[in-house]
C-alpha atoms as a PDB file:
ATOM      1  CA  UNK A   1      69.631  20.095  14.913  1.00  0.00           C
ATOM      2  CA  UNK A   2      68.120  22.972  12.912  1.00  0.00           C
ATOM      3  CA  UNK A   3      68.789  26.717  13.825  1.00  0.00           C
ATOM      4  CA  UNK A   4      65.863  26.756  15.902  1.00  0.00           C
ATOM      5  CA  UNK A   5      66.827  23.785  17.451  1.00  0.00           C
ATOM      6  CA  UNK A   6      63.942  21.185  17.048  1.00  0.00           C
ATOM      7  CA  UNK A   7      64.807  19.343  14.074  1.00  0.00           C
ATOM      8  CA  UNK A   8      67.654  16.859  14.053  1.00  0.00           C
ATOM      9  CA  UNK A   9      69.913  16.749  11.157  1.00  0.00           C
ATOM     10  CA  UNK A  10      70.598  13.078  10.078  1.00  0.00           C
ATOM     11  CA  UNK A  11      73.563  11.753   8.253  1.00  0.00           C
ATOM     12  CA  UNK A  12      74.610   8.477   7.132  1.00  0.00           C
ATOM     13  CA  UNK A  13      76.537   7.904  10.054  1.00  0.00           C
ATOM     14  CA  UNK A  14      74.007   8.890  12.973  1.00  0.00           C
ATOM     15  CA  UNK A  15      71.002   7.797  11.391  1.00  0.00           C
ATOM     16  CA  UNK A  16      70.433   4.253  12.920  1.00  0.00           C
ATOM     17  CA  UNK A  17      71.265   5.603  16.285  1.00  0.00           C
ATOM     18  CA  UNK A  18      68.576   8.300  16.079  1.00  0.00           C
ATOM     19  CA  UNK A  19      65.800   6.545  14.970  1.00  0.00           C
ATOM     20  CA  UNK A  20      66.443   3.384  16.990  1.00  0.00           C
ATOM     21  CA  UNK A  21      64.295   4.128  19.759  1.00  0.00           C
ATOM     22  CA  UNK A  22      60.717   5.706  20.221  1.00  0.00           C
ATOM     23  CA  UNK A  23      58.626   7.494  17.159  1.00  0.00           C
ATOM     24  CA  UNK A  24      60.861   9.594  14.533  1.00  0.00           C
ATOM     25  CA  UNK A  25      59.470  11.276  11.111  1.00  0.00           C
ATOM     26  CA  UNK A  26      62.519  11.622   8.853  1.00  0.00           C
ATOM     27  CA  UNK A  27      61.777  14.117   5.869  1.00  0.00           C
ATOM     28  CA  UNK A  28      63.888  12.831   3.001  1.00  0.00           C
ATOM     29  CA  UNK A  29      64.795  16.346   1.294  1.00  0.00           C
ATOM     30  CA  UNK A  30      66.949  18.351  -1.171  1.00  0.00           C
ATOM     31  CA  UNK A  31      68.015  21.899  -1.357  1.00  0.00           C
ATOM     32  CA  UNK A  32      67.136  22.196  -4.783  1.00  0.00           C
ATOM     33  CA  UNK A  33      63.625  20.894  -4.170  1.00  0.00           C
ATOM     34  CA  UNK A  34      60.651  23.640  -3.908  1.00  0.00           C
ATOM     35  CA  UNK A  35      58.236  21.820  -2.318  1.00  0.00           C
ATOM     36  CA  UNK A  36      61.201  20.734   0.237  1.00  0.00           C
ATOM     37  CA  UNK A  37      61.738  24.045   1.020  1.00  0.00           C
ATOM     38  CA  UNK A  38      58.286  25.396   1.763  1.00  0.00           C
ATOM     39  CA  UNK A  39      57.940  22.007   4.051  1.00  0.00           C
ATOM     40  CA  UNK A  40      60.454  23.280   6.499  1.00  0.00           C
ATOM     41  CA  UNK A  41      58.590  25.919   8.502  1.00  0.00           C
ATOM     42  CA  UNK A  42      55.845  23.274   8.514  1.00  0.00           C
ATOM     43  CA  UNK A  43      58.318  20.924   9.869  1.00  0.00           C
ATOM     44  CA  UNK A  44      59.730  23.156  12.608  1.00  0.00           C
ATOM     45  CA  UNK A  45      56.059  23.417  13.813  1.00  0.00           C
ATOM     46  CA  UNK A  46      55.357  20.129  14.056  1.00  0.00           C
ATOM     47  CA  UNK A  47      58.301  19.038  15.753  1.00  0.00           C
ATOM     48  CA  UNK A  48      57.209  21.680  18.543  1.00  0.00           C
ATOM     49  CA  UNK A  49      53.954  20.518  18.807  1.00  0.00           C
ATOM     50  CA  UNK A  50      54.896  16.757  18.910  1.00  0.00           C
ATOM     51  CA  UNK A  51      57.906  17.208  21.537  1.00  0.00           C
ATOM     52  CA  UNK A  52      57.886  15.183  23.843  1.00  0.00           C
ATOM     53  CA  UNK A  53      55.830  12.284  21.953  1.00  0.00           C
ATOM     54  CA  UNK A  54      58.143  12.131  18.674  1.00  0.00           C
ATOM     55  CA  UNK A  55      61.029  13.545  16.939  1.00  0.00           C
ATOM     56  CA  UNK A  56      61.568  15.297  13.868  1.00  0.00           C
ATOM     57  CA  UNK A  57      64.577  14.758  11.470  1.00  0.00           C
ATOM     58  CA  UNK A  58      65.736  15.513   8.273  1.00  0.00           C
ATOM     59  CA  UNK A  59      68.073  13.712   5.409  1.00  0.00           C
ATOM     60  CA  UNK A  60      69.585  15.561   2.769  1.00  0.00           C
ATOM     61  CA  UNK A  61      69.566  12.988  -0.371  1.00  0.00           C
ATOM     62  CA  UNK A  62      72.330  14.642  -2.175  1.00  0.00           C
ATOM     63  CA  UNK A  63      75.061  14.316   0.796  1.00  0.00           C
ATOM     64  CA  UNK A  64      73.370  11.499   2.580  1.00  0.00           C
ATOM     65  CA  UNK A  65      73.193   9.031  -0.552  1.00  0.00           C
ATOM     66  CA  UNK A  66      73.830   5.691   1.569  1.00  0.00           C
ATOM     67  CA  UNK A  67      70.630   6.632   3.485  1.00  0.00           C
ATOM     68  CA  UNK A  68      68.596   7.744   0.685  1.00  0.00           C
ATOM     69  CA  UNK A  69      69.451   4.643  -1.481  1.00  0.00           C
ATOM     70  CA  UNK A  70      68.670   2.136   1.532  1.00  0.00           C
ATOM     71  CA  UNK A  71      65.142   3.804   1.548  1.00  0.00           C
ATOM     72  CA  UNK A  72      64.604   3.777  -2.311  1.00  0.00           C
ATOM     73  CA  UNK A  73      63.864   7.358  -1.843  1.00  0.00           C
ATOM     74  CA  UNK A  74      62.602   8.376  -5.815  1.00  0.00           C
ATOM     75  CA  UNK A  75      60.725  11.592  -4.916  1.00  0.00           C
ATOM     76  CA  UNK A  76      61.232  14.338  -2.602  1.00  0.00           C
ATOM     77  CA  UNK A  77      59.997  15.346  -0.207  1.00  0.00           C
ATOM     78  CA  UNK A  78      59.754  11.634   1.446  1.00  0.00           C
ATOM     79  CA  UNK A  79      58.752  11.551   5.270  1.00  0.00           C
ATOM     80  CA  UNK A  80      59.238   8.306   6.501  1.00  0.00           C
ATOM     81  CA  UNK A  81      57.668   7.559   9.949  1.00  0.00           C
ATOM     82  CA  UNK A  82      59.896   5.303  12.100  1.00  0.00           C
ATOM     83  CA  UNK A  83      59.197   3.499  15.434  1.00  0.00           C
ATOM     84  CA  UNK A  84      62.009   1.871  17.335  1.00  0.00           C
ATOM     85  CA  UNK A  85      63.901   1.461  14.486  1.00  0.00           C
ATOM     86  CA  UNK A  86      61.368   0.227  12.049  1.00  0.00           C
ATOM     87  CA  UNK A  87      59.677   2.015   9.166  1.00  0.00           C
ATOM     88  CA  UNK A  88      55.801   1.973   9.612  1.00  0.00           C
ATOM     89  CA  UNK A  89      54.417   4.281   7.353  1.00  0.00           C
ATOM     90  CA  UNK A  90      55.522   7.160   4.333  1.00  0.00           C
ATOM     91  CA  UNK A  91      54.104  10.083   3.118  1.00  0.00           C
ATOM     92  CA  UNK A  92      55.233  11.713  -0.450  1.00  0.00           C
ATOM     93  CA  UNK A  93      54.927  15.160  -1.176  1.00  0.00           C
ATOM     94  CA  UNK A  94      54.079  18.430   0.346  1.00  0.00           C
ATOM     95  CA  UNK A  95      51.446  18.474   3.345  1.00  0.00           C
ATOM     96  CA  UNK A  96      50.199  20.523   6.070  1.00  0.00           C
ATOM     97  CA  UNK A  97      50.857  20.772   9.447  1.00  0.00           C
ATOM     98  CA  UNK A  98      47.651  18.861  10.399  1.00  0.00           C
ATOM     99  CA  UNK A  99      48.250  15.938   8.416  1.00  0.00           C
ATOM    100  CA  UNK A 100      51.766  15.285   9.305  1.00  0.00           C
ATOM    101  CA  UNK A 101      50.712  15.593  12.940  1.00  0.00           C
ATOM    102  CA  UNK A 102      47.912  13.042  12.571  1.00  0.00           C
ATOM    103  CA  UNK A 103      50.447  11.005  10.693  1.00  0.00           C
ATOM    104  CA  UNK A 104      52.750  10.952  13.401  1.00  0.00           C
ATOM    105  CA  UNK A 105      50.500  10.904  16.506  1.00  0.00           C
ATOM    106  CA  UNK A 106      48.883   7.704  14.889  1.00  0.00           C
ATOM    107  CA  UNK A 107      51.939   5.759  16.102  1.00  0.00           C
ATOM    108  CA  UNK A 108      52.624   7.213  19.038  1.00  0.00           C
END
């Protein structure tokens, strides 16, 4: 989880378990990516707003290459929405909080 406790940090080891049930938005990001850094506070707010309905997680594509490769992440930030372990939709690029919340709540 992040320093604020709202975003789960996902790894190759815990990914399947963490997205296996419920609605989970996963942000595939990289530390060197400017738009990814701009998205972080937006996702913190989204995580607070959807708490109890959905979970927000992050995957660092540089340290968790197995998961990033499995989902064919070719640009960051890429956000994939999972429902009960299955990918249902994805967003690519920097988005605002309202767009991300609408994206998530469409599957809740």
